[in-house]
C-alpha cells in the first residue's frame, strides 16, 4: 500500500464515487488553504483504494493532523468496490493498518481521523497500540 498526503488544490475531486464528499465546494470553504490535504491510499499498482480530507495545523510546535473542522461527514471515501464482504473487510483492515503505520511514523505529534459509522473493525489499529474511541450520534436508519 502506498499512502501520501496531496494538496487538496491539486487533487481531482471528481474521482470520488460519492462526489458530494469531495465536492469542489470544500476548496471554496477552506479558501484553497494549503493546510487542507487529501490522505490518499493506493495499491502498489497505482489503483486508488481510499481517500479522506485532512487538516494539517503545520505549527512548529505540536503539529497535528485531524479531520477538517466543520465537516458534515467524516470524509472517508472508498474508491474501490469489492463484491464479497470478506474481501472488503480484509481490505479495510489492510488500509487501516497502513494508515496507522504511516501516521505513527510521520511528523505529527497528534492525529485524529474520524471514520464513517459503517467502519466497525478497528482490530488493526488496536494491534498497533491505538485505542479507538467511539462517538455516538442520533443518526436514524
Protein backbone atom coordinates (compact mmCIF):
# COMPACT_ATOMS: atom_id res chain seq x y z
CA UNK A 1 0.00 0.00 0.00
CA UNK A 2 1.17 3.47 -0.81
CA UNK A 3 -0.02 6.35 1.37
CA UNK A 4 0.60 10.01 0.76
CA UNK A 5 -0.93 13.36 1.54
CA UNK A 6 -1.50 15.52 -1.51
CA UNK A 7 -2.72 19.08 -1.70
CA UNK A 8 -6.49 19.39 -1.91
CA UNK A 9 -5.99 22.03 -4.58
CA UNK A 10 -4.18 19.54 -6.82
CA UNK A 11 -6.41 16.52 -6.09
CA UNK A 12 -9.06 15.56 -8.63
CA UNK A 13 -12.27 15.88 -6.62
CA UNK A 14 -14.36 14.38 -9.39
CA UNK A 15 -12.72 10.98 -8.91
CA UNK A 16 -14.73 10.02 -5.81
CA UNK A 17 -17.64 7.67 -6.14
CA UNK A 18 -19.85 9.71 -3.82
CA UNK A 19 -18.98 13.03 -5.40
CA UNK A 20 -20.50 15.13 -2.62
CA UNK A 21 -17.83 14.16 -0.08
CA UNK A 22 -15.08 15.63 -2.19
CA UNK A 23 -17.17 18.27 -3.87
CA UNK A 24 -15.29 21.28 -5.17
CA UNK A 25 -17.19 23.44 -2.66
CA UNK A 26 -14.73 22.37 0.06
CA UNK A 27 -11.96 24.12 -1.82
CA UNK A 28 -14.00 27.32 -1.56
CA UNK A 29 -14.99 26.75 2.08
CA UNK A 30 -11.38 26.40 3.13
CA UNK A 31 -10.29 29.09 0.68
CA UNK A 32 -7.71 26.83 -1.01
CA UNK A 33 -5.75 26.76 2.25
CA UNK A 34 -2.55 24.74 1.97
CA UNK A 35 -3.38 23.06 5.29
CA UNK A 36 -6.27 21.19 3.63
CA UNK A 37 -4.98 17.97 2.11
CA UNK A 38 -6.15 14.59 0.93
CA UNK A 39 -4.82 11.41 2.52
CA UNK A 40 -4.66 9.03 -0.44
CA UNK A 41 -4.32 5.25 -0.08
CA UNK A 42 -3.48 3.34 -3.24
CA UNK A 43 -2.40 -0.15 -4.22
CA UNK A 44 1.20 -0.74 -5.26
CA UNK A 45 -0.03 -0.83 -8.85
CA UNK A 46 -1.46 2.68 -8.54
CA UNK A 47 -5.19 1.92 -8.15
CA UNK A 48 -6.84 4.26 -5.63
CA UNK A 49 -8.40 2.40 -2.71
CA UNK A 50 -9.42 5.09 -0.25
CA UNK A 51 -9.05 8.78 0.47
CA UNK A 52 -10.09 11.34 3.08
CA UNK A 53 -9.76 15.04 3.67
CA UNK A 54 -7.26 16.02 6.37
CA UNK A 55 -6.28 19.28 8.05
CA UNK A 56 -2.63 19.80 8.96
CA UNK A 57 -2.05 22.56 11.54
CA UNK A 58 1.55 23.00 10.29
CA UNK A 59 2.67 24.57 13.57
CA UNK A 60 6.30 24.49 14.58
CA UNK A 61 5.43 23.01 17.96
CA UNK A 62 2.77 20.33 18.44
CA UNK A 63 1.86 19.68 14.84
CA UNK A 64 -1.44 17.84 14.40
CA UNK A 65 -3.37 16.15 11.62
CA UNK A 66 -7.14 15.96 12.04
CA UNK A 67 -10.41 15.65 10.17
CA UNK A 68 -11.12 19.16 8.86
CA UNK A 69 -13.29 21.29 11.16
CA UNK A 70 -16.94 21.94 10.29
CA UNK A 71 -17.21 18.88 8.05
CA UNK A 72 -20.74 17.49 7.75
CA UNK A 73 -19.30 13.97 7.37
CA UNK A 74 -16.13 12.06 8.06
CA UNK A 75 -14.84 12.47 4.56
CA UNK A 76 -13.60 8.87 4.10
CA UNK A 77 -14.32 7.64 0.61
CA UNK A 78 -13.74 4.08 -0.55
CA UNK A 79 -12.88 4.35 -4.21
CA UNK A 80 -12.57 0.62 -4.81
CA UNK A 81 -15.63 -1.63 -4.82
CA UNK A 82 -15.46 -5.22 -3.61
CA UNK A 83 -18.13 -7.83 -4.38
CA UNK A 84 -17.50 -10.09 -1.39
CA UNK A 85 -17.88 -8.71 2.11
CA UNK A 86 -14.92 -10.81 3.29
CA UNK A 87 -12.70 -9.10 0.69
CA UNK A 88 -13.97 -5.67 1.75
CA UNK A 89 -13.34 -6.38 5.44
CA UNK A 90 -9.80 -7.65 4.83
CA UNK A 91 -9.06 -4.62 2.61
CA UNK A 92 -10.38 -2.26 5.33
CA UNK A 93 -8.04 -3.90 7.86
CA UNK A 94 -5.12 -3.63 5.47
CA UNK A 95 -5.84 0.06 4.79
CA UNK A 96 -6.29 0.85 8.49
CA UNK A 97 -3.00 -0.85 9.41
CA UNK A 98 -1.19 1.03 6.65
CA UNK A 99 -2.72 4.39 7.65
CA UNK A 100 -1.86 3.91 11.33
CA UNK A 101 1.74 2.96 10.46
CA UNK A 102 2.04 5.97 8.18
CA UNK A 103 0.66 8.41 10.76
CA UNK A 104 2.76 6.99 13.61
CA UNK A 105 5.93 7.35 11.56
CA UNK A 106 5.03 10.86 10.39
CA UNK A 107 5.87 14.31 11.68
CA UNK A 108 2.66 14.81 13.67
CA UNK A 109 2.59 14.98 17.45
CA UNK A 110 -1.16 14.31 17.45
CA UNK A 111 -3.55 12.89 14.88
CA UNK A 112 -7.28 12.22 14.91
CA UNK A 113 -9.26 10.85 11.99
CA UNK A 114 -12.98 10.18 12.03
CA UNK A 115 -14.29 7.08 10.32
CA UNK A 116 -17.79 6.50 8.97
CA UNK A 117 -20.26 4.55 11.07
CA UNK A 118 -20.10 1.63 8.61
CA UNK A 119 -16.47 1.05 9.58
CA UNK A 120 -16.67 -1.28 12.56
CA UNK A 121 -13.46 -3.32 12.76
CA UNK A 122 -10.54 -1.45 14.33
CA UNK A 123 -8.54 -4.57 15.19
CA UNK A 124 -5.56 -3.50 13.05
CA UNK A 125 -5.32 -0.18 14.95
CA UNK A 126 -5.63 -1.88 18.34
CA UNK A 127 -2.80 -4.26 17.43
CA UNK A 128 -0.60 -1.22 16.75
CA UNK A 129 -1.39 0.28 20.17
CA UNK A 130 -4.07 2.79 19.10
CA UNK A 131 -7.25 2.83 21.16
CA UNK A 132 -10.20 3.92 19.03
CA UNK A 133 -12.91 5.98 20.70
CA UNK A 134 -16.49 5.64 19.62
CA UNK A 135 -18.65 8.72 19.46
CA UNK A 136 -22.34 8.15 19.12
CA UNK A 137 -24.78 10.23 17.15
CA UNK A 138 -28.51 10.47 16.75
CA UNK A 139 -28.36 9.16 13.20
CA UNK A 140 -31.50 7.29 12.31
CA UNK A 141 -31.63 4.38 9.87
